[in-house]
Amino acid sequence: MDKQDKLLDKVSSKTHVSKQDILSLASDLQTKDLNNDENIKEFVNKISKMTNKQVKPEQMNKIINIIKNNQVPTDIDKFV
């Protein structure tokens, strides 16, 4: 099992989202213009539904700003 599979397993077990859904989200994200607020909202809402977690408007605004300002952490291992 390579590092990517281990990471996917870890994320899947913590979020209760299947590896296939995670890969589908990643693929979808690659086609989105992340400078567009609506694209970001759509993507976050998709994740919200998959994880059964509500995203409050102030959280959504914070997420949009983080993404648009390219402040997304690159070392995902720290968060999983």
Protein backbone atom coordinates (compact mmCIF):
# COMPACT_ATOMS: atom_id res chain seq x y z
CA MET A 1 0.00 0.00 0.00
CA ASP A 2 1.53 3.32 -1.03
CA LYS A 3 1.42 6.65 0.80
CA GLN A 4 -1.58 7.89 -1.22
CA ASP A 5 -3.63 4.80 -0.34
CA LYS A 6 -2.75 5.16 3.33
CA LEU A 7 -3.78 8.81 3.28
CA LEU A 8 -7.05 8.01 1.51
CA ASP A 9 -7.78 5.26 4.04
CA LYS A 10 -7.09 7.65 6.90
CA VAL A 11 -9.29 10.41 5.47
CA SER A 12 -12.03 7.92 4.63
CA SER A 13 -12.08 6.46 8.13
CA LYS A 14 -12.18 9.88 9.79
CA THR A 15 -14.79 11.42 7.50
CA HIS A 16 -16.86 8.32 6.70
CA VAL A 17 -16.62 9.25 3.02
CA SER A 18 -15.63 6.46 0.64
CA LYS A 19 -12.27 6.54 -1.11
CA GLN A 20 -14.13 6.59 -4.42
CA ASP A 21 -16.08 9.71 -3.35
CA ILE A 22 -12.86 11.38 -2.19
CA LEU A 23 -11.22 10.69 -5.55
CA SER A 24 -14.33 11.95 -7.33
CA LEU A 25 -14.20 15.19 -5.29
CA ALA A 26 -10.52 15.62 -6.11
CA SER A 27 -11.21 15.11 -9.80
CA ASP A 28 -14.10 17.57 -9.67
CA LEU A 29 -11.93 20.12 -7.90
CA GLN A 30 -9.35 20.03 -10.68
CA THR A 31 -11.94 21.30 -13.17
CA LYS A 32 -13.20 24.19 -11.02
CA ASP A 33 -12.16 27.83 -11.20
CA LEU A 34 -11.23 28.41 -7.56
CA ASN A 35 -11.36 32.17 -8.00
CA ASN A 36 -15.12 31.90 -8.39
CA ASP A 37 -17.06 32.08 -5.11
CA GLU A 38 -19.96 30.04 -6.48
CA ASN A 39 -17.67 27.19 -7.53
CA ILE A 40 -16.13 27.10 -4.06
CA LYS A 41 -19.54 27.20 -2.36
CA GLU A 42 -20.80 24.38 -4.58
CA PHE A 43 -17.76 22.26 -3.77
CA VAL A 44 -17.95 22.93 -0.01
CA ASN A 45 -21.68 22.19 0.01
CA LYS A 46 -21.01 18.89 -1.76
CA ILE A 47 -18.52 17.92 0.94
CA SER A 48 -20.91 19.14 3.62
CA LYS A 49 -23.65 16.82 2.37
CA MET A 50 -21.28 13.85 2.13
CA THR A 51 -20.07 14.32 5.70
CA ASN A 52 -23.40 15.42 7.18
CA LYS A 53 -21.73 18.54 8.56
CA GLN A 54 -23.37 21.92 8.35
CA VAL A 55 -21.28 24.87 7.18
CA LYS A 56 -22.37 28.17 8.67
CA PRO A 57 -22.26 31.29 6.48
CA GLU A 58 -19.31 32.74 8.42
CA GLN A 59 -17.43 29.44 8.01
CA MET A 60 -18.19 29.45 4.28
CA ASN A 61 -16.81 32.99 3.96
CA LYS A 62 -13.66 31.97 5.82
CA ILE A 63 -13.20 28.90 3.57
CA ILE A 64 -13.71 31.01 0.43
CA ASN A 65 -11.11 33.54 1.60
CA ILE A 66 -8.59 30.83 2.48
CA ILE A 67 -8.97 29.20 -0.94
CA LYS A 68 -8.96 32.43 -2.94
CA ASN A 69 -5.90 33.70 -1.08
CA ASN A 70 -4.09 30.41 -1.64
CA GLN A 71 -3.69 29.77 2.09
CA VAL A 72 -4.69 26.11 1.99
CA PRO A 73 -2.15 24.01 3.93
CA THR A 74 -0.13 21.75 1.65
CA ASP A 75 0.73 19.13 4.28
CA ILE A 76 -2.60 17.36 4.69
CA ASP A 77 -1.00 14.65 6.85
CA LYS A 78 -0.96 17.09 9.77
CA PHE A 79 -4.74 17.38 9.68
CA VAL A 80 -5.64 13.72 9.33
